N, C-alpha and C. Protein backbone atom coordinates (compact mmCIF):
# COMPACT_ATOMS: atom_id res chain seq x y z
N MET A 1 -2.28 100.64 194.18
CA MET A 1 -1.20 99.56 194.04
C MET A 1 0.14 100.34 194.74
N ASN A 2 0.71 99.66 195.37
CA ASN A 2 2.16 100.21 196.00
C ASN A 2 3.30 99.62 195.17
N ASP A 3 3.15 99.23 193.86
CA ASP A 3 4.31 98.73 193.25
C ASP A 3 5.05 100.17 192.82
N PRO A 4 6.20 100.19 193.05
CA PRO A 4 7.06 101.51 192.37
C PRO A 4 7.11 101.40 190.93
N LEU A 5 7.08 100.49 190.37
CA LEU A 5 7.25 100.58 188.86
C LEU A 5 5.92 101.42 188.12
N TYR A 6 4.69 101.28 189.05
CA TYR A 6 3.78 101.91 188.54
C TYR A 6 3.10 103.11 189.11
N GLN A 7 4.23 103.72 189.66
CA GLN A 7 3.85 104.89 190.22
C GLN A 7 3.74 106.39 189.11
N THR A 8 3.03 107.19 189.21
CA THR A 8 2.93 108.05 188.32
C THR A 8 3.60 109.29 188.92
N GLN A 9 3.44 109.43 190.05
CA GLN A 9 4.36 110.78 190.72
C GLN A 9 5.60 110.45 191.38
N PRO A 10 6.59 110.99 190.62
CA PRO A 10 8.14 110.61 191.08
C PRO A 10 8.36 111.27 192.35
N GLN A 11 9.38 110.44 193.38
CA GLN A 11 9.32 110.77 194.67
C GLN A 11 10.36 112.24 194.63
N ALA A 12 10.46 113.06 195.52
CA ALA A 12 11.26 114.21 195.37
C ALA A 12 12.63 113.78 195.56
N SER A 13 13.11 112.82 196.12
CA SER A 13 14.48 112.45 196.31
C SER A 13 15.17 111.81 194.91
N GLN A 14 14.27 111.32 194.39
CA GLN A 14 14.58 110.75 192.90
C GLN A 14 15.62 111.77 191.85
N PHE A 15 15.05 112.97 191.85
CA PHE A 15 15.61 113.87 191.16
C PHE A 15 16.70 115.11 191.90
N SER A 16 16.41 115.05 193.07
CA SER A 16 17.34 116.28 193.63
C SER A 16 18.65 115.37 194.01
N PRO A 17 19.63 116.20 193.89
CA PRO A 17 21.29 115.81 194.36
C PRO A 17 21.25 115.46 195.59
N PRO A 18 22.42 114.49 195.97
CA PRO A 18 22.32 114.44 197.54
C PRO A 18 23.08 115.55 197.96
N GLN A 19 22.62 115.78 199.18
CA GLN A 19 23.25 117.05 200.10
C GLN A 19 24.61 116.85 200.35
N PRO A 20 25.72 117.97 200.06
CA PRO A 20 27.21 117.57 200.35
C PRO A 20 26.91 117.63 201.79
N LYS A 21 28.10 116.95 202.45
CA LYS A 21 28.17 116.72 203.84
C LYS A 21 28.70 118.20 204.48
N ASN A 22 29.32 118.88 203.91
CA ASN A 22 30.15 120.14 204.28
C ASN A 22 29.37 121.40 203.93
N THR A 23 28.29 121.21 203.51
CA THR A 23 27.62 122.67 203.20
C THR A 23 26.61 122.95 204.31
N PRO A 24 25.98 123.85 204.40
CA PRO A 24 24.91 124.46 205.62
C PRO A 24 23.76 123.35 205.34
N ALA A 25 22.85 123.53 206.52
CA ALA A 25 21.30 122.92 206.00
C ALA A 25 20.85 123.30 205.21
N ALA A 26 19.93 122.63 204.64
CA ALA A 26 18.76 123.09 203.67
C ALA A 26 18.20 124.41 203.77
N GLY A 27 17.93 124.63 205.04
CA GLY A 27 17.13 125.80 205.45
C GLY A 27 17.90 127.29 205.60
N SER A 28 19.16 126.86 205.45
CA SER A 28 20.10 128.14 205.68
C SER A 28 20.53 129.00 204.63
N ARG A 29 19.48 129.54 203.96
CA ARG A 29 19.71 130.19 202.51
C ARG A 29 20.79 131.18 202.81
N ALA A 30 20.65 132.18 203.57
CA ALA A 30 21.69 133.26 203.99
C ALA A 30 23.18 132.67 204.01
N ALA A 31 23.19 131.45 204.97
CA ALA A 31 24.55 130.84 205.12
C ALA A 31 25.24 130.52 203.72
N SER A 32 24.58 129.94 203.05
CA SER A 32 24.88 129.38 201.59
C SER A 32 25.19 130.68 200.87
N GLU A 33 24.54 131.92 200.74
CA GLU A 33 24.68 133.12 199.82
C GLU A 33 25.88 133.46 200.45
N LYS A 34 26.26 133.57 201.89
CA LYS A 34 27.58 134.14 202.29
C LYS A 34 28.68 133.40 201.88
N GLU A 35 28.69 132.02 201.95
CA GLU A 35 29.56 131.07 201.67
C GLU A 35 29.78 131.37 200.13
N LEU A 36 28.79 131.26 199.23
CA LEU A 36 28.99 131.50 197.72
C LEU A 36 29.81 132.97 197.27
N GLN A 37 29.39 134.16 198.15
CA GLN A 37 30.01 135.25 197.87
C GLN A 37 31.56 135.14 198.32
N GLN A 38 31.71 134.42 199.47
CA GLN A 38 33.20 134.48 199.91
C GLN A 38 34.24 133.76 198.73
N ALA A 39 33.39 132.84 198.06
CA ALA A 39 34.06 131.84 197.15
C ALA A 39 34.48 132.69 195.70
N ILE A 40 33.35 133.61 195.35
CA ILE A 40 33.63 134.29 194.18
C ILE A 40 34.42 135.33 194.48
N VAL A 41 34.68 136.08 195.77
CA VAL A 41 35.66 136.97 195.79
C VAL A 41 36.75 136.57 195.49
N GLY A 42 37.44 135.49 196.24
CA GLY A 42 38.69 135.17 196.19
C GLY A 42 39.05 134.26 195.23
N SER A 43 38.04 133.68 194.17
CA SER A 43 38.50 132.95 193.39
C SER A 43 39.02 133.44 192.14
N ASN A 44 38.66 134.82 191.89
CA ASN A 44 39.12 135.37 190.54
C ASN A 44 40.30 136.33 190.67
N THR A 45 41.14 136.21 191.85
CA THR A 45 42.37 136.81 192.08
C THR A 45 43.37 136.05 191.52
N VAL A 46 43.96 136.96 190.35
CA VAL A 46 44.94 136.31 189.64
C VAL A 46 46.59 136.19 190.43
N LEU A 47 46.83 135.11 190.15
CA LEU A 47 48.16 134.85 190.86
C LEU A 47 49.35 134.85 189.70
N ALA A 48 48.82 134.77 188.45
CA ALA A 48 50.06 134.75 187.19
C ALA A 48 49.37 134.81 186.15
N LYS A 49 49.72 135.60 185.12
CA LYS A 49 49.45 135.60 183.68
C LYS A 49 50.19 135.96 182.72
N ALA A 50 50.17 135.53 181.45
CA ALA A 50 51.40 135.86 180.54
C ALA A 50 50.54 135.60 179.17
N ASP A 51 51.08 136.42 178.23
CA ASP A 51 50.66 136.60 176.75
C ASP A 51 51.65 135.69 175.97
N THR A 52 51.39 135.09 175.07
CA THR A 52 52.49 134.56 173.97
C THR A 52 52.76 135.95 173.20
N THR A 53 53.95 135.64 172.52
CA THR A 53 54.68 136.80 171.79
C THR A 53 54.96 136.37 170.40
N LEU A 54 54.94 137.51 169.82
CA LEU A 54 55.53 137.27 168.00
C LEU A 54 54.37 136.60 167.47
N THR A 55 53.22 137.28 167.77
CA THR A 55 51.75 136.87 166.85
C THR A 55 50.82 137.62 166.89
N LEU A 56 50.25 137.88 165.98
CA LEU A 56 49.07 138.68 165.77
C LEU A 56 47.91 138.58 166.68
N PHE A 57 47.62 137.51 166.96
CA PHE A 57 46.62 137.29 167.85
C PHE A 57 47.07 136.42 169.21
N PRO A 58 47.71 137.07 170.03
CA PRO A 58 48.33 136.42 171.19
C PRO A 58 47.26 135.62 172.38
N ASP A 59 47.79 134.38 172.42
CA ASP A 59 47.06 133.48 173.56
C ASP A 59 47.51 133.82 174.99
N THR A 60 46.43 133.79 176.00
CA THR A 60 47.05 134.28 177.18
C THR A 60 46.56 133.00 178.23
N LEU A 61 47.42 132.85 178.98
CA LEU A 61 47.58 131.70 180.01
C LEU A 61 47.26 132.55 181.55
N CYS A 62 46.15 132.24 182.23
CA CYS A 62 45.89 132.79 183.46
C CYS A 62 45.50 131.62 184.70
N VAL A 63 46.63 132.13 185.77
CA VAL A 63 46.42 131.30 186.80
C VAL A 63 45.64 132.02 187.97
N ASP A 64 44.62 131.60 188.23
CA ASP A 64 43.83 132.27 189.73
C ASP A 64 43.71 131.40 190.74
N ARG A 65 43.18 131.64 191.97
CA ARG A 65 43.23 130.90 192.97
C ARG A 65 42.23 129.68 192.83
N ALA A 66 41.52 129.43 191.64
CA ALA A 66 40.59 128.32 191.57
C ALA A 66 40.87 127.52 190.48
N LYS A 67 41.38 128.31 189.13
CA LYS A 67 41.59 127.46 187.79
C LYS A 67 42.66 128.29 187.16
N VAL A 68 42.87 127.29 186.17
CA VAL A 68 43.86 127.69 184.80
C VAL A 68 42.94 127.89 183.75
N THR A 69 43.11 129.50 183.41
CA THR A 69 42.21 129.65 182.03
C THR A 69 43.03 129.97 180.93
N LEU A 70 43.15 129.12 179.62
CA LEU A 70 43.71 129.50 178.35
C LEU A 70 42.73 129.91 177.42
N SER A 71 43.29 131.32 176.93
CA SER A 71 42.27 131.96 175.67
C SER A 71 43.23 131.88 174.54
N LYS A 72 42.51 131.08 173.86
CA LYS A 72 43.48 131.04 172.26
C LYS A 72 42.78 131.59 171.58
N ARG A 73 43.27 132.73 171.22
CA ARG A 73 42.84 134.01 169.84
C ARG A 73 42.73 133.20 168.57
N LEU A 74 41.66 133.39 168.11
CA LEU A 74 41.78 132.99 166.78
C LEU A 74 41.43 134.14 165.67
N PHE A 75 40.66 135.26 166.18
CA PHE A 75 40.89 136.65 165.16
C PHE A 75 40.64 137.62 166.11
N PHE A 76 40.26 139.02 165.71
CA PHE A 76 40.20 139.98 166.48
C PHE A 76 38.61 139.70 167.10
N ARG A 77 38.72 139.68 168.64
CA ARG A 77 37.60 139.73 169.44
C ARG A 77 36.98 138.31 169.57
N ALA A 78 37.81 137.58 168.88
CA ALA A 78 37.14 136.10 168.86
C ALA A 78 38.28 134.94 169.69
N ALA A 79 37.71 134.12 170.41
CA ALA A 79 38.84 133.35 171.15
C ALA A 79 38.12 132.22 171.81
N GLU A 80 38.69 131.11 171.71
CA GLU A 80 38.33 129.85 172.51
C GLU A 80 39.05 129.78 173.85
N VAL A 81 38.03 129.58 174.66
CA VAL A 81 38.48 129.87 176.17
C VAL A 81 38.44 128.39 176.93
N VAL A 82 39.31 128.15 177.49
CA VAL A 82 39.24 126.67 178.30
C VAL A 82 39.58 127.18 179.68
N SER A 83 38.72 126.45 180.60
CA SER A 83 39.00 126.58 181.99
C SER A 83 39.22 125.09 182.74
N MET A 84 40.44 125.18 183.56
CA MET A 84 40.24 123.65 184.14
C MET A 84 40.71 124.00 185.64
N ARG A 85 39.98 123.43 186.60
CA ARG A 85 40.25 123.64 188.19
C ARG A 85 41.62 123.11 188.44
N ILE A 86 42.42 123.46 189.52
CA ILE A 86 43.72 123.42 189.68
C ILE A 86 43.53 121.87 190.33
N GLU A 87 42.59 121.38 190.61
CA GLU A 87 42.59 120.15 191.40
C GLU A 87 42.73 119.07 190.31
N ASP A 88 42.02 119.46 188.88
CA ASP A 88 42.26 118.39 187.83
C ASP A 88 43.28 118.61 187.10
N ILE A 89 44.32 119.20 187.44
CA ILE A 89 45.46 119.15 186.52
C ILE A 89 46.55 118.17 187.21
N LEU A 90 46.97 117.39 186.35
CA LEU A 90 47.87 116.30 186.73
C LEU A 90 49.42 116.61 186.77
N ASN A 91 49.61 117.05 185.50
CA ASN A 91 50.99 117.52 185.50
C ASN A 91 51.14 118.98 184.70
N VAL A 92 52.46 119.63 184.52
CA VAL A 92 52.76 120.78 183.88
C VAL A 92 54.17 120.83 183.65
N THR A 93 54.43 120.87 182.35
CA THR A 93 55.86 120.86 181.66
C THR A 93 56.25 122.12 181.03
N ALA A 94 57.48 122.28 181.06
CA ALA A 94 57.76 123.77 180.32
C ALA A 94 58.76 123.11 179.14
N THR A 95 58.85 123.47 178.13
CA THR A 95 59.99 123.07 177.28
C THR A 95 60.50 124.32 176.89
N LEU A 96 61.84 124.79 177.17
CA LEU A 96 62.40 125.77 177.36
C LEU A 96 63.61 125.73 175.96
N GLY A 97 63.50 127.29 175.63
CA GLY A 97 64.57 127.42 174.43
C GLY A 97 65.49 128.65 174.92
N PRO A 98 66.20 129.28 174.35
CA PRO A 98 67.23 130.11 174.82
C PRO A 98 66.43 131.61 175.21
N PHE A 99 65.21 131.78 174.49
CA PHE A 99 64.50 132.97 174.31
C PHE A 99 63.19 132.76 174.76
N PHE A 100 62.44 131.51 174.39
CA PHE A 100 61.34 131.47 174.43
C PHE A 100 60.70 129.86 175.18
N GLY A 101 59.55 129.84 175.54
CA GLY A 101 59.20 128.30 176.00
C GLY A 101 57.70 128.21 175.83
N THR A 102 57.48 127.02 176.03
CA THR A 102 55.78 126.73 175.88
C THR A 102 55.66 125.93 176.84
N ILE A 103 54.25 125.80 177.41
CA ILE A 103 53.71 125.10 178.62
C ILE A 103 52.79 124.03 178.27
N LYS A 104 52.91 122.89 178.61
CA LYS A 104 51.98 121.75 178.45
C LYS A 104 51.29 121.39 179.57
N ILE A 105 50.10 121.07 179.47
CA ILE A 105 49.11 120.89 180.76
C ILE A 105 48.71 119.81 180.31
N VAL A 106 48.61 118.64 181.36
CA VAL A 106 47.87 117.42 181.26
C VAL A 106 46.79 117.45 182.61
N SER A 107 45.52 117.37 182.21
CA SER A 107 44.69 117.38 182.88
C SER A 107 43.61 116.20 183.08
N ARG A 108 43.32 115.66 184.07
CA ARG A 108 42.59 114.36 184.13
C ARG A 108 41.01 114.79 183.63
N VAL A 109 40.50 115.90 183.27
CA VAL A 109 39.47 116.12 182.54
C VAL A 109 39.28 116.20 181.18
N MET A 110 40.62 116.91 180.56
CA MET A 110 40.46 116.89 179.39
C MET A 110 41.36 115.32 178.57
N ASN A 111 41.71 115.41 177.52
CA ASN A 111 42.27 114.00 176.93
C ASN A 111 43.56 114.32 177.65
N ASP A 112 43.85 113.17 178.38
CA ASP A 112 45.21 112.91 178.98
C ASP A 112 46.20 112.30 178.24
N GLU A 113 45.73 112.00 176.86
CA GLU A 113 46.80 111.36 176.09
C GLU A 113 47.63 112.58 175.36
N GLU A 114 46.76 113.56 175.12
CA GLU A 114 47.37 114.65 174.62
C GLU A 114 47.34 115.74 175.15
N PRO A 115 48.21 116.35 175.62
CA PRO A 115 48.45 117.73 176.65
C PRO A 115 47.88 118.83 175.99
N ILE A 116 47.49 119.99 176.73
CA ILE A 116 47.38 121.33 176.17
C ILE A 116 48.42 121.81 176.11
N THR A 117 48.64 122.48 174.68
CA THR A 117 49.94 122.97 174.62
C THR A 117 49.96 124.71 174.46
N VAL A 118 50.76 125.37 175.09
CA VAL A 118 50.67 127.04 174.91
C VAL A 118 51.87 127.64 174.59
N GLY A 119 52.06 128.17 173.72
CA GLY A 119 53.52 128.73 173.43
C GLY A 119 53.40 129.79 172.50
N LYS A 120 54.42 130.46 172.25
CA LYS A 120 55.70 130.86 172.83
C LYS A 120 55.75 131.96 173.70
N PHE A 121 55.88 131.62 174.77
CA PHE A 121 56.00 132.60 175.87
C PHE A 121 57.29 132.93 176.05
N TRP A 122 57.63 134.13 176.58
CA TRP A 122 59.04 134.73 176.76
C TRP A 122 59.50 133.55 177.81
N ARG A 123 60.79 133.24 177.90
CA ARG A 123 61.42 132.12 178.72
C ARG A 123 60.97 132.49 180.23
N THR A 124 61.26 133.64 180.66
CA THR A 124 60.87 133.88 182.11
C THR A 124 59.55 133.60 182.37
N ASP A 125 58.42 134.05 181.43
CA ASP A 125 57.05 133.85 181.75
C ASP A 125 56.58 132.27 181.81
N ALA A 126 57.39 131.57 180.90
CA ALA A 126 57.04 129.90 180.85
C ALA A 126 57.41 129.46 182.05
N ILE A 127 58.71 129.81 182.68
CA ILE A 127 59.24 129.33 183.78
C ILE A 127 58.23 129.73 184.96
N ARG A 128 57.96 130.93 184.98
CA ARG A 128 57.11 131.56 186.04
C ARG A 128 55.66 130.82 186.08
N LEU A 129 55.20 130.69 185.22
CA LEU A 129 53.71 129.92 184.90
C LEU A 129 53.81 128.40 185.50
N LYS A 130 54.83 127.87 184.83
CA LYS A 130 55.19 126.57 185.34
C LYS A 130 55.32 126.25 186.79
N ARG A 131 55.99 126.97 187.43
CA ARG A 131 56.27 126.86 188.65
C ARG A 131 55.30 126.88 189.61
N ILE A 132 54.59 128.09 189.14
CA ILE A 132 53.24 128.53 190.12
C ILE A 132 51.98 127.42 189.93
N ILE A 133 52.05 126.93 188.82
CA ILE A 133 51.00 125.69 188.36
C ILE A 133 51.28 124.44 189.13
N GLN A 134 52.77 124.25 189.00
CA GLN A 134 53.23 122.85 189.54
C GLN A 134 53.07 123.12 191.23
N GLY A 135 53.47 124.12 191.61
CA GLY A 135 53.50 124.44 193.07
C GLY A 135 52.21 124.52 193.71
N TYR A 136 51.21 124.86 192.97
CA TYR A 136 49.45 125.05 193.42
C TYR A 136 49.14 123.49 193.65
N VAL A 137 49.45 122.71 192.48
CA VAL A 137 48.85 121.10 192.35
C VAL A 137 49.48 120.27 193.49
N ILE A 138 50.95 120.91 193.74
CA ILE A 138 51.60 120.07 195.02
C ILE A 138 51.03 120.41 196.58
N ALA A 139 50.72 121.78 196.44
CA ALA A 139 50.15 122.58 197.81
C ALA A 139 48.53 121.55 197.74
N LEU A 140 47.76 121.64 196.88
CA LEU A 140 46.56 120.86 197.20
C LEU A 140 46.38 119.42 197.20
N GLN A 141 47.58 118.48 196.56
CA GLN A 141 47.71 117.21 197.08
C GLN A 141 48.06 116.93 198.46
N ARG A 142 48.91 118.22 199.00
CA ARG A 142 48.99 118.04 200.34
C ARG A 142 48.03 118.59 201.59
N ASN A 143 47.00 119.04 200.87
CA ASN A 143 45.82 119.47 201.55
C ASN A 143 46.34 120.55 202.40
N ILE A 144 46.96 121.56 201.47
CA ILE A 144 47.39 122.87 202.30
C ILE A 144 46.34 123.98 202.07
N ASP A 145 45.76 124.62 202.86
CA ASP A 145 45.05 125.77 202.68
C ASP A 145 45.53 127.01 202.21
N CYS A 146 45.37 127.09 200.79
CA CYS A 146 45.83 128.37 200.45
C CYS A 146 45.15 129.73 200.25
N SER A 147 43.80 129.50 200.76
CA SER A 147 42.98 130.54 200.81
C SER A 147 43.14 131.77 201.98
N VAL A 148 43.99 131.41 202.96
CA VAL A 148 44.21 132.36 203.84
C VAL A 148 45.43 133.38 203.66
N LEU A 149 46.30 133.09 202.69
CA LEU A 149 47.45 133.83 202.09
C LEU A 149 46.91 134.94 201.27
N PRO A 150 47.72 136.07 201.55
CA PRO A 150 47.59 137.04 200.48
C PRO A 150 47.96 136.76 199.28
N THR A 151 47.73 137.24 198.22
CA THR A 151 47.85 136.88 196.72
C THR A 151 49.60 137.03 196.53
N LYS A 152 50.15 137.98 196.72
CA LYS A 152 51.48 138.08 196.35
C LYS A 152 52.32 137.12 197.18
N GLU A 153 52.32 137.03 198.43
CA GLU A 153 52.75 135.99 199.22
C GLU A 153 52.54 134.52 198.59
N LEU A 154 51.31 134.29 198.32
CA LEU A 154 51.01 132.89 197.83
C LEU A 154 51.52 132.92 196.64
N ALA A 155 51.67 133.66 195.55
CA ALA A 155 52.37 133.31 194.24
C ALA A 155 53.89 133.06 194.47
N ASP A 156 54.54 133.91 195.72
CA ASP A 156 55.77 133.68 195.82
C ASP A 156 56.27 132.23 196.26
N GLN A 157 55.15 131.93 197.27
CA GLN A 157 55.53 130.38 197.89
C GLN A 157 55.19 129.63 196.68
N LEU A 158 54.32 129.64 196.10
CA LEU A 158 53.76 128.59 195.12
C LEU A 158 54.93 128.57 194.00
N TYR A 159 55.68 129.60 193.48
CA TYR A 159 56.61 129.51 192.92
C TYR A 159 57.88 129.05 193.32
N GLN A 160 58.18 128.95 194.66
CA GLN A 160 59.06 128.28 195.27
C GLN A 160 58.90 126.96 195.41
N LEU A 161 57.73 126.34 195.69
CA LEU A 161 57.36 124.96 196.05
C LEU A 161 57.49 124.32 194.49
N GLY A 162 57.16 124.96 193.43
CA GLY A 162 57.10 124.31 192.14
C GLY A 162 58.64 124.51 191.60
N GLU A 163 59.50 124.97 192.35
CA GLU A 163 60.64 125.10 191.64
C GLU A 163 61.57 123.74 191.45
N ASP A 164 62.17 123.62 190.26
CA ASP A 164 63.00 122.22 190.02
C ASP A 164 64.23 122.60 190.30
N GLN A 165 65.29 121.74 190.49
CA GLN A 165 66.49 121.71 190.36
C GLN A 165 67.26 121.67 189.26
N GLN A 166 66.51 121.33 188.03
CA GLN A 166 67.22 121.09 186.87
C GLN A 166 66.70 122.22 185.75
N THR A 167 66.24 123.32 186.28
CA THR A 167 65.82 124.47 185.07
C THR A 167 67.08 124.70 184.33
N ALA A 168 67.23 124.73 183.25
CA ALA A 168 68.23 124.87 182.37
C ALA A 168 68.48 126.72 182.26
């Protein structure tokens, strides 16, 4: 029988994901490993990091070259860790007071009705985190390759790109 409904052996292409167009050919394992190692080395470089203040278990917001990671500490050595790619962030806002500030992140992957809120950062930390994240979102929307810049220079330029005219 040649009827595809009655085939007992699955075809190989049924279960394998499509090959991305910009990856090396299927036979070049060394090229794939090299590309993966390069991605790992650069992706964990921290651009900005801050801890919340005036709490027994401080939360941490960390921005690196690939993602934003939020660690909400629940107890000693216990935390809920949420990571989102920079590409998935739609907007970031900072609510600022005279001494403290909070960060709200709206992501397309998480619930976009209810943003992720992290706070009480020192005011300067909240401003710095907001500007760097917003600058990174803008840079990626404009298809700017940020991987070639040194870490300090990238953080400074993203800070300038994400700067508002209306910061209180």
